[in-house]
Amino acid sequence: MANHDKGADHIPGTMDIRTQEKTFAGFIRMVTWGAAISIGILIFLALTNS
């Protein structure tokens, strides 16, 4: 069974989340670039009637 007592093991709001923030920022940057490249390819295909 899980131990649900409110001991001093964890204090809410004290966890260091810099690594998660950097990872999320990198993911958002990758998705943004991927969407921009995909839209660019679609525009190129539309302009060249491929």
PDB file of N, CA and C in Angstrom:
ATOM      1  N   MET A   1       0.827  -1.179   0.000  1.00  0.00           N
ATOM      2  CA  MET A   1       0.000   0.000   0.000  1.00  0.00           C
ATOM      3  C   MET A   1       0.877   1.251   0.000  1.00  0.00           C
ATOM      4  N   ALA A   2       0.375   2.273  -0.576  1.00  0.00           N
ATOM      5  CA  ALA A   2       1.098   3.542  -0.617  1.00  0.00           C
ATOM      6  C   ALA A   2       1.012   4.221   0.741  1.00  0.00           C
ATOM      7  N   ASN A   3       2.072   4.906   1.091  1.00  0.00           N
ATOM      8  CA  ASN A   3       2.105   5.637   2.351  1.00  0.00           C
ATOM      9  C   ASN A   3       1.657   7.068   2.080  1.00  0.00           C
ATOM     10  N   HIS A   4       0.492   7.435   2.582  1.00  0.00           N
ATOM     11  CA  HIS A   4      -0.087   8.747   2.303  1.00  0.00           C
ATOM     12  C   HIS A   4       0.032   9.735   3.463  1.00  0.00           C
ATOM     13  N   ASP A   5       0.865   9.432   4.461  1.00  0.00           N
ATOM     14  CA  ASP A   5       0.981  10.397   5.553  1.00  0.00           C
ATOM     15  C   ASP A   5       1.759  11.620   5.078  1.00  0.00           C
ATOM     16  N   LYS A   6       1.438  12.749   5.638  1.00  0.00           N
ATOM     17  CA  LYS A   6       2.039  14.026   5.228  1.00  0.00           C
ATOM     18  C   LYS A   6       3.312  14.281   6.030  1.00  0.00           C
ATOM     19  N   GLY A   7       4.342  13.504   5.752  1.00  0.00           N
ATOM     20  CA  GLY A   7       5.610  13.646   6.463  1.00  0.00           C
ATOM     21  C   GLY A   7       6.446  14.771   5.886  1.00  0.00           C
ATOM     22  N   ALA A   8       7.676  14.895   6.346  1.00  0.00           N
ATOM     23  CA  ALA A   8       8.585  15.953   5.917  1.00  0.00           C
ATOM     24  C   ALA A   8       9.394  15.526   4.689  1.00  0.00           C
ATOM     25  N   ASP A   9       8.974  14.448   4.013  1.00  0.00           N
ATOM     26  CA  ASP A   9       9.726  13.963   2.858  1.00  0.00           C
ATOM     27  C   ASP A   9       9.684  14.942   1.693  1.00  0.00           C
ATOM     28  N   HIS A  10       8.576  15.598   1.511  1.00  0.00           N
ATOM     29  CA  HIS A  10       8.415  16.502   0.367  1.00  0.00           C
ATOM     30  C   HIS A  10       7.668  17.752   0.794  1.00  0.00           C
ATOM     31  N   ILE A  11       8.202  18.883   0.370  1.00  0.00           N
ATOM     32  CA  ILE A  11       7.535  20.155   0.621  1.00  0.00           C
ATOM     33  C   ILE A  11       7.089  20.693  -0.726  1.00  0.00           C
ATOM     34  N   PRO A  12       5.778  20.845  -0.948  1.00  0.00           N
ATOM     35  CA  PRO A  12       5.280  21.311  -2.248  1.00  0.00           C
ATOM     36  C   PRO A  12       5.922  22.640  -2.652  1.00  0.00           C
ATOM     37  N   GLY A  13       6.298  22.721  -3.925  1.00  0.00           N
ATOM     38  CA  GLY A  13       6.874  23.949  -4.456  1.00  0.00           C
ATOM     39  C   GLY A  13       8.376  24.061  -4.323  1.00  0.00           C
ATOM     40  N   THR A  14       9.040  23.025  -3.820  1.00  0.00           N
ATOM     41  CA  THR A  14      10.485  23.124  -3.612  1.00  0.00           C
ATOM     42  C   THR A  14      11.289  22.311  -4.620  1.00  0.00           C
ATOM     43  N   MET A  15      10.642  21.602  -5.517  1.00  0.00           N
ATOM     44  CA  MET A  15      11.357  20.772  -6.488  1.00  0.00           C
ATOM     45  C   MET A  15      12.013  21.640  -7.555  1.00  0.00           C
ATOM     46  N   ASP A  16      13.249  21.296  -7.912  1.00  0.00           N
ATOM     47  CA  ASP A  16      13.967  22.009  -8.967  1.00  0.00           C
ATOM     48  C   ASP A  16      13.469  21.505 -10.322  1.00  0.00           C
ATOM     49  N   ILE A  17      12.851  22.385 -11.117  1.00  0.00           N
ATOM     50  CA  ILE A  17      12.259  21.959 -12.388  1.00  0.00           C
ATOM     51  C   ILE A  17      12.954  22.598 -13.589  1.00  0.00           C
ATOM     52  N   ARG A  18      14.171  23.074 -13.415  1.00  0.00           N
ATOM     53  CA  ARG A  18      14.886  23.710 -14.533  1.00  0.00           C
ATOM     54  C   ARG A  18      15.098  22.750 -15.697  1.00  0.00           C
ATOM     55  N   THR A  19      15.411  21.498 -15.405  1.00  0.00           N
ATOM     56  CA  THR A  19      15.631  20.517 -16.474  1.00  0.00           C
ATOM     57  C   THR A  19      14.346  20.279 -17.264  1.00  0.00           C
ATOM     58  N   GLN A  20      13.219  20.155 -16.568  1.00  0.00           N
ATOM     59  CA  GLN A  20      11.945  19.953 -17.255  1.00  0.00           C
ATOM     60  C   GLN A  20      11.573  21.168 -18.089  1.00  0.00           C
ATOM     61  N   GLU A  21      11.843  22.365 -17.584  1.00  0.00           N
ATOM     62  CA  GLU A  21      11.545  23.584 -18.332  1.00  0.00           C
ATOM     63  C   GLU A  21      12.392  23.665 -19.602  1.00  0.00           C
ATOM     64  N   LYS A  22      13.666  23.311 -19.521  1.00  0.00           N
ATOM     65  CA  LYS A  22      14.535  23.329 -20.696  1.00  0.00           C
ATOM     66  C   LYS A  22      14.090  22.288 -21.721  1.00  0.00           C
ATOM     67  N   THR A  23      13.695  21.107 -21.247  1.00  0.00           N
ATOM     68  CA  THR A  23      13.223  20.055 -22.142  1.00  0.00           C
ATOM     69  C   THR A  23      11.946  20.489 -22.851  1.00  0.00           C
ATOM     70  N   PHE A  24      11.011  21.078 -22.112  1.00  0.00           N
ATOM     71  CA  PHE A  24       9.755  21.537 -22.704  1.00  0.00           C
ATOM     72  C   PHE A  24      10.006  22.647 -23.718  1.00  0.00           C
ATOM     73  N   ALA A  25      10.902  23.575 -23.401  1.00  0.00           N
ATOM     74  CA  ALA A  25      11.226  24.656 -24.340  1.00  0.00           C
ATOM     75  C   ALA A  25      11.837  24.084 -25.624  1.00  0.00           C
ATOM     76  N   GLY A  26      12.688  23.088 -25.500  1.00  0.00           N
ATOM     77  CA  GLY A  26      13.271  22.443 -26.676  1.00  0.00           C
ATOM     78  C   GLY A  26      12.215  21.726 -27.502  1.00  0.00           C
ATOM     79  N   PHE A  27      11.273  21.072 -26.838  1.00  0.00           N
ATOM     80  CA  PHE A  27      10.192  20.386 -27.542  1.00  0.00           C
ATOM     81  C   PHE A  27       9.330  21.380 -28.310  1.00  0.00           C
ATOM     82  N   ILE A  28       8.970  22.493 -27.680  1.00  0.00           N
ATOM     83  CA  ILE A  28       8.154  23.511 -28.342  1.00  0.00           C
ATOM     84  C   ILE A  28       8.904  24.097 -29.531  1.00  0.00           C
ATOM     85  N   ARG A  29      10.200  24.347 -29.374  1.00  0.00           N
ATOM     86  CA  ARG A  29      11.014  24.872 -30.472  1.00  0.00           C
ATOM     87  C   ARG A  29      11.046  23.884 -31.646  1.00  0.00           C
ATOM     88  N   MET A  30      11.208  22.588 -31.344  1.00  0.00           N
ATOM     89  CA  MET A  30      11.247  21.566 -32.384  1.00  0.00           C
ATOM     90  C   MET A  30       9.903  21.480 -33.111  1.00  0.00           C
ATOM     91  N   VAL A  31       8.810  21.516 -32.385  1.00  0.00           N
ATOM     92  CA  VAL A  31       7.483  21.448 -33.000  1.00  0.00           C
ATOM     93  C   VAL A  31       7.232  22.679 -33.867  1.00  0.00           C
ATOM     94  N   THR A  32       7.649  23.853 -33.401  1.00  0.00           N
ATOM     95  CA  THR A  32       7.466  25.084 -34.170  1.00  0.00           C
ATOM     96  C   THR A  32       8.247  25.026 -35.479  1.00  0.00           C
ATOM     97  N   TRP A  33       9.505  24.611 -35.414  1.00  0.00           N
ATOM     98  CA  TRP A  33      10.315  24.490 -36.631  1.00  0.00           C
ATOM     99  C   TRP A  33       9.733  23.433 -37.566  1.00  0.00           C
ATOM    100  N   GLY A  34       9.287  22.328 -37.019  1.00  0.00           N
ATOM    101  CA  GLY A  34       8.698  21.270 -37.839  1.00  0.00           C
ATOM    102  C   GLY A  34       7.443  21.738 -38.558  1.00  0.00           C
ATOM    103  N   ALA A  35       6.597  22.486 -37.863  1.00  0.00           N
ATOM    104  CA  ALA A  35       5.379  23.014 -38.485  1.00  0.00           C
ATOM    105  C   ALA A  35       5.727  24.033 -39.564  1.00  0.00           C
ATOM    106  N   ALA A  36       6.687  24.905 -39.286  1.00  0.00           N
ATOM    107  CA  ALA A  36       7.086  25.918 -40.270  1.00  0.00           C
ATOM    108  C   ALA A  36       7.664  25.267 -41.523  1.00  0.00           C
ATOM    109  N   ILE A  37       8.495  24.258 -41.360  1.00  0.00           N
ATOM    110  CA  ILE A  37       9.071  23.567 -42.511  1.00  0.00           C
ATOM    111  C   ILE A  37       7.982  22.845 -43.304  1.00  0.00           C
ATOM    112  N   SER A  38       7.048  22.200 -42.601  1.00  0.00           N
ATOM    113  CA  SER A  38       5.949  21.508 -43.287  1.00  0.00           C
ATOM    114  C   SER A  38       5.088  22.478 -44.080  1.00  0.00           C
ATOM    115  N   ILE A  39       4.769  23.625 -43.495  1.00  0.00           N
ATOM    116  CA  ILE A  39       3.976  24.633 -44.203  1.00  0.00           C
ATOM    117  C   ILE A  39       4.751  25.166 -45.398  1.00  0.00           C
ATOM    118  N   GLY A  40       6.052  25.385 -45.224  1.00  0.00           N
ATOM    119  CA  GLY A  40       6.886  25.847 -46.334  1.00  0.00           C
ATOM    120  C   GLY A  40       6.897  24.852 -47.483  1.00  0.00           C
ATOM    121  N   ILE A  41       6.996  23.566 -47.161  1.00  0.00           N
ATOM    122  CA  ILE A  41       6.982  22.536 -48.201  1.00  0.00           C
ATOM    123  C   ILE A  41       5.635  22.513 -48.916  1.00  0.00           C
ATOM    124  N   LEU A  42       4.544  22.634 -48.159  1.00  0.00           N
ATOM    125  CA  LEU A  42       3.212  22.647 -48.779  1.00  0.00           C
ATOM    126  C   LEU A  42       3.028  23.850 -49.697  1.00  0.00           C
ATOM    127  N   ILE A  43       3.518  25.000 -49.284  1.00  0.00           N
ATOM    128  CA  ILE A  43       3.426  26.201 -50.141  1.00  0.00           C
ATOM    129  C   ILE A  43       4.257  26.001 -51.388  1.00  0.00           C
ATOM    130  N   PHE A  44       5.472  25.459 -51.242  1.00  0.00           N
ATOM    131  CA  PHE A  44       6.314  25.205 -52.407  1.00  0.00           C
ATOM    132  C   PHE A  44       5.623  24.253 -53.388  1.00  0.00           C
ATOM    133  N   LEU A  45       5.031  23.180 -52.871  1.00  0.00           N
ATOM    134  CA  LEU A  45       4.330  22.227 -53.733  1.00  0.00           C
ATOM    135  C   LEU A  45       3.133  22.875 -54.416  1.00  0.00           C
ATOM    136  N   ALA A  46       2.428  23.736 -53.720  1.00  0.00           N
ATOM    137  CA  ALA A  46       1.270  24.403 -54.319  1.00  0.00           C
ATOM    138  C   ALA A  46       1.711  25.368 -55.426  1.00  0.00           C
ATOM    139  N   LEU A  47       2.816  26.058 -55.219  1.00  0.00           N
ATOM    140  CA  LEU A  47       3.286  27.019 -56.214  1.00  0.00           C
ATOM    141  C   LEU A  47       3.859  26.333 -57.462  1.00  0.00           C
ATOM    142  N   THR A  48       4.405  25.138 -57.274  1.00  0.00           N
ATOM    143  CA  THR A  48       4.987  24.447 -58.428  1.00  0.00           C
ATOM    144  C   THR A  48       4.020  23.451 -59.056  1.00  0.00           C
ATOM    145  N   ASN A  49       2.787  23.401 -58.569  1.00  0.00           N
ATOM    146  CA  ASN A  49       1.737  22.511 -59.094  1.00  0.00           C
ATOM    147  C   ASN A  49       2.179  21.051 -59.112  1.00  0.00           C
ATOM    148  N   SER A  50       2.832  20.623 -58.050  1.00  0.00           N
ATOM    149  CA  SER A  50       3.282  19.227 -57.988  1.00  0.00           C
ATOM    150  C   SER A  50       2.192  18.326 -57.464  1.00  0.00           C
TER     151      SER A  50
END
